Amino acid sequence: MADDKEPVERTTIVETGGGGSGGVLAVVLLIIVVLVLLFLFRDQLGFGGDETDINIPDQIEVNVN
């Protein structure tokens, strides 16, 4: 015996409003953590330590042929 009922099409609607901000928050937190770690370990990495010495010469000789 075959089914006596007609086939019925059903549509499922999935609402995803407001759920996309988690990735942005994760990226912002990752950037903040990286900046804090760079600040904490700046001496070991060579960024802005007290031993930073910049020598600028008084004269620069340029020979033009």
C-alpha atoms as a PDB file:
ATOM      1  CA  MET A   1       0.000   0.000   0.000  1.00  0.00           C
ATOM      2  CA  ALA A   2       1.277   3.394  -0.896  1.00  0.00           C
ATOM      3  CA  ASP A   3       0.981   6.496   1.266  1.00  0.00           C
ATOM      4  CA  ASP A   4      -2.349   8.211   0.847  1.00  0.00           C
ATOM      5  CA  LYS A   5      -0.986  11.587   1.991  1.00  0.00           C
ATOM      6  CA  GLU A   6       0.404  14.157  -0.399  1.00  0.00           C
ATOM      7  CA  PRO A   7       4.099  15.107   0.203  1.00  0.00           C
ATOM      8  CA  VAL A   8       4.437  18.382   2.113  1.00  0.00           C
ATOM      9  CA  GLU A   9       7.397  20.750   1.710  1.00  0.00           C
ATOM     10  CA  ARG A  10       8.765  22.087   4.973  1.00  0.00           C
ATOM     11  CA  THR A  11      11.171  24.991   5.415  1.00  0.00           C
ATOM     12  CA  THR A  12      13.358  25.483   8.489  1.00  0.00           C
ATOM     13  CA  ILE A  13      14.345  29.079   9.274  1.00  0.00           C
ATOM     14  CA  VAL A  14      17.464  29.552  11.378  1.00  0.00           C
ATOM     15  CA  GLU A  15      17.963  33.019  12.847  1.00  0.00           C
ATOM     16  CA  THR A  16      21.578  33.984  13.465  1.00  0.00           C
ATOM     17  CA  GLY A  17      21.187  37.608  14.497  1.00  0.00           C
ATOM     18  CA  GLY A  18      23.786  39.094  16.835  1.00  0.00           C
ATOM     19  CA  GLY A  19      26.087  36.092  17.066  1.00  0.00           C
ATOM     20  CA  GLY A  20      28.948  37.290  14.867  1.00  0.00           C
ATOM     21  CA  SER A  21      30.804  39.550  17.292  1.00  0.00           C
ATOM     22  CA  GLY A  22      32.728  36.779  19.080  1.00  0.00           C
ATOM     23  CA  GLY A  23      35.445  36.620  16.431  1.00  0.00           C
ATOM     24  CA  VAL A  24      36.038  40.365  16.546  1.00  0.00           C
ATOM     25  CA  LEU A  25      36.291  40.265  20.332  1.00  0.00           C
ATOM     26  CA  ALA A  26      38.798  37.401  20.158  1.00  0.00           C
ATOM     27  CA  VAL A  27      41.009  39.306  17.692  1.00  0.00           C
ATOM     28  CA  VAL A  28      40.944  42.466  19.838  1.00  0.00           C
ATOM     29  CA  LEU A  29      41.861  40.486  22.959  1.00  0.00           C
ATOM     30  CA  LEU A  30      44.675  38.730  21.085  1.00  0.00           C
ATOM     31  CA  ILE A  31      46.127  42.076  19.959  1.00  0.00           C
ATOM     32  CA  ILE A  32      45.944  43.443  23.514  1.00  0.00           C
ATOM     33  CA  VAL A  33      47.696  40.348  24.919  1.00  0.00           C
ATOM     34  CA  VAL A  34      50.471  40.587  22.311  1.00  0.00           C
ATOM     35  CA  LEU A  35      51.022  44.286  23.059  1.00  0.00           C
ATOM     36  CA  VAL A  36      51.173  43.643  26.816  1.00  0.00           C
ATOM     37  CA  LEU A  37      53.687  40.821  26.320  1.00  0.00           C
ATOM     38  CA  LEU A  38      55.827  43.030  24.076  1.00  0.00           C
ATOM     39  CA  PHE A  39      55.755  45.733  26.755  1.00  0.00           C
ATOM     40  CA  LEU A  40      56.696  43.316  29.531  1.00  0.00           C
ATOM     41  CA  PHE A  41      59.565  41.703  27.611  1.00  0.00           C
ATOM     42  CA  ARG A  42      60.796  44.794  25.754  1.00  0.00           C
ATOM     43  CA  ASP A  43      64.207  44.689  27.449  1.00  0.00           C
ATOM     44  CA  GLN A  44      64.834  41.075  26.430  1.00  0.00           C
ATOM     45  CA  LEU A  45      63.670  41.827  22.887  1.00  0.00           C
ATOM     46  CA  GLY A  46      65.804  44.975  22.608  1.00  0.00           C
ATOM     47  CA  PHE A  47      62.991  47.512  22.408  1.00  0.00           C
ATOM     48  CA  GLY A  48      63.670  50.792  24.210  1.00  0.00           C
ATOM     49  CA  GLY A  49      65.996  49.586  26.917  1.00  0.00           C
ATOM     50  CA  ASP A  50      68.279  51.884  28.913  1.00  0.00           C
ATOM     51  CA  GLU A  51      71.293  50.640  26.953  1.00  0.00           C
ATOM     52  CA  THR A  52      69.975  52.044  23.694  1.00  0.00           C
ATOM     53  CA  ASP A  53      72.732  54.221  22.228  1.00  0.00           C
ATOM     54  CA  ILE A  54      72.229  56.143  19.005  1.00  0.00           C
ATOM     55  CA  ASN A  55      75.335  57.661  17.417  1.00  0.00           C
ATOM     56  CA  ILE A  56      74.809  60.391  14.834  1.00  0.00           C
ATOM     57  CA  PRO A  57      77.969  61.490  12.997  1.00  0.00           C
ATOM     58  CA  ASP A  58      78.805  65.195  12.836  1.00  0.00           C
ATOM     59  CA  GLN A  59      79.669  65.028   9.139  1.00  0.00           C
ATOM     60  CA  ILE A  60      78.821  62.766   6.256  1.00  0.00           C
ATOM     61  CA  GLU A  61      81.321  62.749   3.410  1.00  0.00           C
ATOM     62  CA  VAL A  62      79.875  62.169  -0.036  1.00  0.00           C
ATOM     63  CA  ASN A  63      82.149  61.695  -3.047  1.00  0.00           C
ATOM     64  CA  VAL A  64      80.542  62.494  -6.391  1.00  0.00           C
ATOM     65  CA  ASN A  65      82.558  61.442  -9.451  1.00  0.00           C
END
